[in-house]
Amino acid sequence: MPKKWLIAALVIRAALAAETSCPVSISEVKRDTGLGDRITYCFSLKATNRAAKPISSLVLRAAAVDSKGYIHLLNYDYPINNIPAGDTKDGYFSSHRLLGSDYQGIKIWVKEVDYKDGGVWTDSGDRACGGQDVKKNLKMR
């Protein structure tokens, strides 16, 4: 009898972990000047739908990192729409903020995923689903 309870507990734990895991993987995050003015920066990335259902809307958030390692939130939504299950889409965005030459990196995370079936996944606030491109040897604060 104890083995059945242990197996049931492990199955329930795995199901709960699957629900809270990242439905989208963010890879190949790259920061660049993009616009040519070396003040308003851009960034690019790849977003892969790891869920078993199509995404109608993916909303990303970002933060810039300065030369002292301080993080500055960029208060904009960066959307990517219509990602079939298992597919990857490229994203290219402007920071929408004058960052100047102090810009040393970008951190990206998934804020929300809206599925075509009406389901929604929302970040718990820990920004665990994401990626970054930050200058090497930069100490984050």
N, C-alpha and C. Protein backbone atom coordinates (compact mmCIF):
# COMPACT_ATOMS: atom_id res chain seq x y z
N MET A 1 0.80 -1.21 0.00
CA MET A 1 0.00 0.00 0.00
C MET A 1 0.85 1.28 0.00
N PRO A 2 1.94 1.36 0.78
CA PRO A 2 2.75 2.58 0.77
C PRO A 2 3.34 2.90 -0.60
N LYS A 3 3.68 1.89 -1.39
CA LYS A 3 4.22 2.15 -2.72
C LYS A 3 3.21 2.85 -3.60
N LYS A 4 1.93 2.49 -3.48
CA LYS A 4 0.89 3.13 -4.29
C LYS A 4 0.78 4.61 -3.95
N TRP A 5 0.88 4.95 -2.67
CA TRP A 5 0.81 6.35 -2.25
C TRP A 5 2.01 7.13 -2.77
N LEU A 6 3.17 6.50 -2.72
CA LEU A 6 4.38 7.15 -3.22
C LEU A 6 4.28 7.41 -4.72
N ILE A 7 3.81 6.44 -5.45
CA ILE A 7 3.64 6.60 -6.90
C ILE A 7 2.62 7.69 -7.20
N ALA A 8 1.51 7.68 -6.48
CA ALA A 8 0.47 8.71 -6.68
C ALA A 8 1.03 10.10 -6.38
N ALA A 9 1.80 10.21 -5.31
CA ALA A 9 2.38 11.51 -4.95
C ALA A 9 3.35 11.99 -6.02
N LEU A 10 4.16 11.08 -6.56
CA LEU A 10 5.09 11.47 -7.62
C LEU A 10 4.37 11.89 -8.89
N VAL A 11 3.29 11.21 -9.23
CA VAL A 11 2.51 11.57 -10.42
C VAL A 11 1.88 12.95 -10.25
N ILE A 12 1.33 13.21 -9.09
CA ILE A 12 0.71 14.52 -8.81
C ILE A 12 1.78 15.61 -8.84
N ARG A 13 2.93 15.35 -8.24
CA ARG A 13 4.02 16.33 -8.24
C ARG A 13 4.49 16.65 -9.66
N ALA A 14 4.61 15.62 -10.50
CA ALA A 14 5.02 15.83 -11.89
C ALA A 14 3.98 16.64 -12.65
N ALA A 15 2.71 16.38 -12.40
CA ALA A 15 1.65 17.13 -13.08
C ALA A 15 1.68 18.60 -12.68
N LEU A 16 1.87 18.86 -11.39
CA LEU A 16 1.95 20.26 -10.93
C LEU A 16 3.18 20.96 -11.50
N ALA A 17 4.30 20.26 -11.56
CA ALA A 17 5.51 20.85 -12.13
C ALA A 17 5.32 21.16 -13.61
N ALA A 18 4.62 20.32 -14.32
CA ALA A 18 4.39 20.54 -15.75
C ALA A 18 3.53 21.78 -15.97
N GLU A 19 2.58 22.02 -15.08
CA GLU A 19 1.70 23.18 -15.22
C GLU A 19 2.45 24.48 -14.98
N THR A 20 3.44 24.47 -14.09
CA THR A 20 4.13 25.71 -13.75
C THR A 20 5.40 25.91 -14.56
N SER A 21 5.81 24.92 -15.33
CA SER A 21 7.04 25.08 -16.11
C SER A 21 6.81 26.05 -17.27
N CYS A 22 7.89 26.46 -17.88
CA CYS A 22 7.82 27.45 -18.95
C CYS A 22 7.21 26.87 -20.22
N PRO A 23 6.13 27.46 -20.71
CA PRO A 23 5.52 26.97 -21.94
C PRO A 23 6.25 27.46 -23.19
N VAL A 24 7.15 28.43 -23.01
CA VAL A 24 7.89 29.01 -24.13
C VAL A 24 9.36 29.09 -23.73
N SER A 25 10.23 28.67 -24.63
CA SER A 25 11.67 28.87 -24.35
C SER A 25 12.16 30.05 -25.19
N ILE A 26 12.94 30.90 -24.56
CA ILE A 26 13.52 32.07 -25.20
C ILE A 26 15.00 31.79 -25.41
N SER A 27 15.46 31.90 -26.65
CA SER A 27 16.86 31.60 -26.96
C SER A 27 17.43 32.64 -27.91
N GLU A 28 18.73 32.57 -28.10
CA GLU A 28 19.45 33.44 -29.02
C GLU A 28 19.13 34.93 -28.82
N VAL A 29 19.06 35.35 -27.55
CA VAL A 29 18.82 36.77 -27.25
C VAL A 29 20.07 37.54 -27.63
N LYS A 30 19.88 38.60 -28.42
CA LYS A 30 21.01 39.42 -28.86
C LYS A 30 20.62 40.90 -28.76
N ARG A 31 21.54 41.68 -28.24
CA ARG A 31 21.33 43.12 -28.18
C ARG A 31 22.15 43.76 -29.27
N ASP A 32 21.64 44.81 -29.85
CA ASP A 32 22.40 45.55 -30.87
C ASP A 32 21.85 46.96 -31.00
N THR A 33 22.52 47.78 -31.78
CA THR A 33 22.08 49.17 -31.93
C THR A 33 20.94 49.28 -32.91
N GLY A 34 20.86 48.41 -33.89
CA GLY A 34 19.72 48.31 -34.78
C GLY A 34 19.33 49.56 -35.53
N LEU A 35 19.03 50.62 -34.83
CA LEU A 35 18.52 51.83 -35.47
C LEU A 35 19.64 52.76 -35.94
N GLY A 36 20.86 52.46 -35.58
CA GLY A 36 21.99 53.23 -36.09
C GLY A 36 22.34 54.48 -35.31
N ASP A 37 21.51 54.86 -34.32
CA ASP A 37 21.82 56.09 -33.59
C ASP A 37 22.62 55.84 -32.32
N ARG A 38 22.89 54.58 -32.00
CA ARG A 38 23.65 54.15 -30.83
C ARG A 38 23.08 54.69 -29.52
N ILE A 39 21.84 55.12 -29.53
CA ILE A 39 21.17 55.57 -28.31
C ILE A 39 19.92 54.73 -28.06
N THR A 40 19.11 54.55 -29.10
CA THR A 40 17.92 53.71 -28.99
C THR A 40 18.30 52.32 -29.47
N TYR A 41 18.37 51.39 -28.56
CA TYR A 41 18.86 50.06 -28.89
C TYR A 41 17.72 49.09 -29.24
N CYS A 42 18.10 48.01 -29.89
CA CYS A 42 17.16 46.97 -30.28
C CYS A 42 17.65 45.63 -29.73
N PHE A 43 16.78 44.65 -29.76
CA PHE A 43 17.18 43.30 -29.37
C PHE A 43 16.38 42.30 -30.19
N SER A 44 16.97 41.13 -30.35
CA SER A 44 16.31 40.06 -31.09
C SER A 44 16.34 38.78 -30.28
N LEU A 45 15.49 37.84 -30.65
CA LEU A 45 15.39 36.57 -29.92
C LEU A 45 14.63 35.55 -30.74
N LYS A 46 14.63 34.33 -30.26
CA LYS A 46 13.81 33.26 -30.81
C LYS A 46 12.92 32.76 -29.69
N ALA A 47 11.62 32.60 -29.99
CA ALA A 47 10.65 32.08 -29.02
C ALA A 47 10.11 30.76 -29.55
N THR A 48 10.24 29.70 -28.76
CA THR A 48 9.77 28.37 -29.15
C THR A 48 8.60 27.96 -28.27
N ASN A 49 7.50 27.60 -28.90
CA ASN A 49 6.31 27.13 -28.19
C ASN A 49 6.55 25.69 -27.77
N ARG A 50 6.72 25.45 -26.47
CA ARG A 50 6.95 24.11 -25.94
C ARG A 50 5.65 23.44 -25.52
N ALA A 51 4.56 24.16 -25.58
CA ALA A 51 3.27 23.60 -25.18
C ALA A 51 2.71 22.72 -26.30
N ALA A 52 1.75 21.91 -25.96
CA ALA A 52 1.13 21.00 -26.93
C ALA A 52 -0.05 21.66 -27.64
N LYS A 53 -0.16 22.98 -27.52
CA LYS A 53 -1.26 23.69 -28.18
C LYS A 53 -0.76 25.01 -28.74
N PRO A 54 -1.44 25.52 -29.78
CA PRO A 54 -0.98 26.75 -30.43
C PRO A 54 -1.18 28.00 -29.55
N ILE A 55 -0.24 28.92 -29.69
CA ILE A 55 -0.29 30.20 -28.96
C ILE A 55 -0.87 31.26 -29.90
N SER A 56 -1.84 32.02 -29.39
CA SER A 56 -2.37 33.13 -30.17
C SER A 56 -1.57 34.40 -29.90
N SER A 57 -1.11 34.58 -28.65
CA SER A 57 -0.35 35.78 -28.31
C SER A 57 0.64 35.48 -27.18
N LEU A 58 1.87 35.89 -27.39
CA LEU A 58 2.93 35.78 -26.40
C LEU A 58 3.37 37.20 -26.07
N VAL A 59 3.39 37.54 -24.79
CA VAL A 59 3.80 38.88 -24.37
C VAL A 59 5.10 38.77 -23.59
N LEU A 60 6.12 39.47 -24.06
CA LEU A 60 7.42 39.50 -23.41
C LEU A 60 7.63 40.83 -22.73
N ARG A 61 8.44 40.84 -21.69
CA ARG A 61 8.89 42.07 -21.04
C ARG A 61 10.41 42.06 -21.05
N ALA A 62 11.02 43.23 -20.83
CA ALA A 62 12.47 43.34 -20.91
C ALA A 62 13.00 44.33 -19.89
N ALA A 63 14.29 44.20 -19.62
CA ALA A 63 15.00 45.14 -18.77
C ALA A 63 16.39 45.36 -19.36
N ALA A 64 16.84 46.59 -19.33
CA ALA A 64 18.19 46.93 -19.78
C ALA A 64 19.13 46.85 -18.59
N VAL A 65 20.38 46.49 -18.86
CA VAL A 65 21.39 46.41 -17.82
C VAL A 65 22.47 47.44 -18.13
N ASP A 66 22.80 48.28 -17.14
CA ASP A 66 23.82 49.31 -17.38
C ASP A 66 25.21 48.80 -17.01
N SER A 67 26.22 49.65 -17.18
CA SER A 67 27.62 49.23 -16.99
C SER A 67 27.96 48.90 -15.54
N LYS A 68 27.13 49.31 -14.60
CA LYS A 68 27.36 48.99 -13.19
C LYS A 68 26.56 47.75 -12.76
N GLY A 69 25.82 47.14 -13.70
CA GLY A 69 25.06 45.94 -13.39
C GLY A 69 23.66 46.20 -12.87
N TYR A 70 23.24 47.47 -12.87
CA TYR A 70 21.89 47.79 -12.42
C TYR A 70 20.88 47.49 -13.53
N ILE A 71 19.74 46.99 -13.13
CA ILE A 71 18.69 46.59 -14.06
C ILE A 71 17.63 47.69 -14.13
N HIS A 72 17.27 48.08 -15.35
CA HIS A 72 16.27 49.13 -15.58
C HIS A 72 15.12 48.54 -16.38
N LEU A 73 13.95 48.43 -15.76
CA LEU A 73 12.79 47.86 -16.45
C LEU A 73 12.38 48.73 -17.63
N LEU A 74 12.07 48.08 -18.73
CA LEU A 74 11.53 48.76 -19.90
C LEU A 74 10.02 48.48 -19.87
N ASN A 75 9.24 49.48 -19.59
CA ASN A 75 7.80 49.28 -19.36
C ASN A 75 7.00 49.20 -20.65
N TYR A 76 7.33 48.22 -21.45
CA TYR A 76 6.62 47.98 -22.71
C TYR A 76 6.34 46.50 -22.84
N ASP A 77 5.25 46.18 -23.50
CA ASP A 77 4.95 44.80 -23.88
C ASP A 77 5.54 44.57 -25.26
N TYR A 78 6.20 43.44 -25.42
CA TYR A 78 6.78 43.06 -26.71
C TYR A 78 6.05 41.80 -27.17
N PRO A 79 5.09 41.92 -28.09
CA PRO A 79 4.26 40.77 -28.48
C PRO A 79 4.82 39.97 -29.66
N ILE A 80 4.55 38.69 -29.63
CA ILE A 80 4.76 37.79 -30.76
C ILE A 80 3.46 37.00 -30.89
N ASN A 81 2.89 36.99 -32.08
CA ASN A 81 1.59 36.35 -32.27
C ASN A 81 1.69 35.07 -33.09
N ASN A 82 0.70 34.19 -32.87
CA ASN A 82 0.49 32.98 -33.67
C ASN A 82 1.72 32.09 -33.79
N ILE A 83 1.98 31.33 -32.73
CA ILE A 83 3.07 30.35 -32.75
C ILE A 83 2.45 28.96 -32.61
N PRO A 84 2.45 28.17 -33.67
CA PRO A 84 1.92 26.80 -33.58
C PRO A 84 2.71 25.97 -32.56
N ALA A 85 2.10 24.93 -32.04
CA ALA A 85 2.75 24.05 -31.08
C ALA A 85 4.04 23.50 -31.67
N GLY A 86 5.14 23.63 -30.92
CA GLY A 86 6.43 23.12 -31.35
C GLY A 86 7.21 24.02 -32.29
N ASP A 87 6.62 25.09 -32.76
CA ASP A 87 7.30 25.99 -33.70
C ASP A 87 8.10 27.07 -32.99
N THR A 88 8.99 27.70 -33.76
CA THR A 88 9.82 28.80 -33.26
C THR A 88 9.59 30.02 -34.13
N LYS A 89 9.49 31.18 -33.49
CA LYS A 89 9.35 32.44 -34.21
C LYS A 89 10.44 33.40 -33.77
N ASP A 90 10.91 34.21 -34.71
CA ASP A 90 11.89 35.25 -34.41
C ASP A 90 11.17 36.51 -33.95
N GLY A 91 11.81 37.24 -33.06
CA GLY A 91 11.30 38.54 -32.63
C GLY A 91 12.41 39.57 -32.72
N TYR A 92 12.08 40.78 -33.17
CA TYR A 92 13.03 41.87 -33.23
C TYR A 92 12.32 43.12 -32.72
N PHE A 93 12.87 43.75 -31.70
CA PHE A 93 12.17 44.84 -31.04
C PHE A 93 13.09 46.01 -30.76
N SER A 94 12.51 47.20 -30.68
CA SER A 94 13.21 48.38 -30.21
C SER A 94 13.01 48.46 -28.71
N SER A 95 14.02 48.98 -28.01
CA SER A 95 13.89 49.15 -26.56
C SER A 95 12.88 50.24 -26.22
N HIS A 96 12.55 51.12 -27.16
CA HIS A 96 11.64 52.26 -26.97
C HIS A 96 12.14 53.22 -25.90
N ARG A 97 13.42 53.16 -25.62
CA ARG A 97 13.96 54.00 -24.56
C ARG A 97 15.38 54.41 -24.92
N LEU A 98 15.74 55.62 -24.65
CA LEU A 98 17.10 56.08 -24.90
C LEU A 98 18.00 55.52 -23.81
N LEU A 99 18.92 54.64 -24.19
CA LEU A 99 19.76 53.97 -23.21
C LEU A 99 21.18 54.49 -23.18
N GLY A 100 21.62 55.12 -24.24
CA GLY A 100 22.96 55.68 -24.28
C GLY A 100 24.05 54.62 -24.34
N SER A 101 25.28 55.06 -24.22
CA SER A 101 26.42 54.15 -24.34
C SER A 101 26.62 53.28 -23.11
N ASP A 102 25.85 53.50 -22.07
CA ASP A 102 25.97 52.75 -20.83
C ASP A 102 25.28 51.38 -20.92
N TYR A 103 24.60 51.13 -21.98
CA TYR A 103 23.83 49.89 -22.18
C TYR A 103 24.77 48.70 -22.34
N GLN A 104 24.69 47.74 -21.41
CA GLN A 104 25.59 46.58 -21.43
C GLN A 104 24.87 45.25 -21.58
N GLY A 105 23.55 45.27 -21.61
CA GLY A 105 22.84 44.01 -21.75
C GLY A 105 21.34 44.16 -21.72
N ILE A 106 20.69 43.04 -22.02
CA ILE A 106 19.23 42.98 -22.03
C ILE A 106 18.80 41.67 -21.38
N LYS A 107 17.75 41.74 -20.57
CA LYS A 107 17.14 40.56 -19.97
C LYS A 107 15.71 40.51 -20.47
N ILE A 108 15.27 39.34 -20.91
CA ILE A 108 13.93 39.15 -21.47
C ILE A 108 13.22 38.07 -20.68
N TRP A 109 11.92 38.22 -20.45
CA TRP A 109 11.14 37.15 -19.83
C TRP A 109 9.73 37.14 -20.40
N VAL A 110 9.10 35.97 -20.27
CA VAL A 110 7.72 35.79 -20.74
C VAL A 110 6.79 36.32 -19.66
N LYS A 111 5.95 37.27 -20.03
CA LYS A 111 4.97 37.83 -19.09
C LYS A 111 3.66 37.03 -19.13
N GLU A 112 3.20 36.71 -20.37
CA GLU A 112 1.92 36.03 -20.50
C GLU A 112 1.85 35.28 -21.82
N VAL A 113 1.16 34.15 -21.79
CA VAL A 113 0.90 33.37 -22.99
C VAL A 113 -0.61 33.16 -23.09
N ASP A 114 -1.19 33.56 -24.21
CA ASP A 114 -2.61 33.32 -24.48
C ASP A 114 -2.69 32.25 -25.56
N TYR A 115 -3.39 31.18 -25.24
CA TYR A 115 -3.53 30.07 -26.19
C TYR A 115 -4.78 30.24 -27.04
N LYS A 116 -4.77 29.63 -28.20
CA LYS A 116 -5.92 29.72 -29.11
C LYS A 116 -7.17 29.08 -28.53
N ASP A 117 -6.99 28.14 -27.57
CA ASP A 117 -8.16 27.50 -26.96
C ASP A 117 -8.74 28.32 -25.80
N GLY A 118 -8.18 29.51 -25.56
CA GLY A 118 -8.68 30.39 -24.50
C GLY A 118 -7.90 30.29 -23.20
N GLY A 119 -7.02 29.32 -23.07
CA GLY A 119 -6.22 29.17 -21.86
C GLY A 119 -5.17 30.27 -21.77
N VAL A 120 -4.72 30.54 -20.55
CA VAL A 120 -3.74 31.59 -20.31
C VAL A 120 -2.69 31.09 -19.33
N TRP A 121 -1.42 31.38 -19.61
CA TRP A 121 -0.33 31.16 -18.67
C TRP A 121 0.24 32.52 -18.34
N THR A 122 0.45 32.80 -17.03
CA THR A 122 0.98 34.09 -16.60
C THR A 122 2.20 33.88 -15.71
N ASP A 123 3.21 34.71 -15.89
CA ASP A 123 4.42 34.65 -15.07
C ASP A 123 4.05 34.87 -13.61
N SER A 124 4.65 34.08 -12.74
CA SER A 124 4.36 34.18 -11.30
C SER A 124 5.05 35.38 -10.65
N GLY A 125 5.89 36.07 -11.42
CA GLY A 125 6.62 37.20 -10.87
C GLY A 125 8.10 36.91 -10.70
N ASP A 126 8.50 35.66 -10.89
CA ASP A 126 9.91 35.32 -10.71
C ASP A 126 10.73 35.43 -11.99
N ARG A 127 10.06 35.71 -13.11
CA ARG A 127 10.72 35.90 -14.41
C ARG A 127 11.61 34.72 -14.80
N ALA A 128 11.16 33.51 -14.47
CA ALA A 128 11.95 32.31 -14.71
C ALA A 128 12.01 31.91 -16.18
N CYS A 129 11.02 32.28 -16.95
CA CYS A 129 10.99 31.92 -18.37
C CYS A 129 11.58 33.07 -19.18
N GLY A 130 12.82 32.94 -19.58
CA GLY A 130 13.42 34.02 -20.34
C GLY A 130 14.83 33.74 -20.75
N GLY A 131 15.51 34.81 -21.13
CA GLY A 131 16.89 34.72 -21.57
C GLY A 131 17.54 36.08 -21.44
N GLN A 132 18.83 36.14 -21.76
CA GLN A 132 19.53 37.41 -21.65
C GLN A 132 20.75 37.43 -22.56
N ASP A 133 21.20 38.64 -22.83
CA ASP A 133 22.48 38.88 -23.49
C ASP A 133 23.11 40.03 -22.71
N VAL A 134 24.01 39.68 -21.82
CA VAL A 134 24.67 40.65 -20.96
C VAL A 134 26.17 40.53 -21.15
N LYS A 135 26.86 41.67 -21.20
CA LYS A 135 28.31 41.69 -21.38
C LYS A 135 28.98 40.78 -20.35
N LYS A 136 29.94 40.00 -20.81
CA LYS A 136 30.65 39.07 -19.92
C LYS A 136 31.34 39.81 -18.79
N ASN A 137 31.44 39.15 -17.65
CA ASN A 137 32.12 39.65 -16.45
C ASN A 137 31.41 40.85 -15.82
N LEU A 138 30.17 41.10 -16.21
CA LEU A 138 29.41 42.20 -15.60
C LEU A 138 28.70 41.65 -14.37
N LYS A 139 28.95 42.24 -13.21
CA LYS A 139 28.34 41.79 -11.96
C LYS A 139 26.95 42.42 -11.84
N MET A 140 25.92 41.55 -11.76
CA MET A 140 24.54 42.03 -11.65
C MET A 140 24.25 42.47 -10.23
N ARG A 141 23.47 43.56 -10.12
CA ARG A 141 23.09 44.07 -8.80
C ARG A 141 21.61 43.98 -8.60
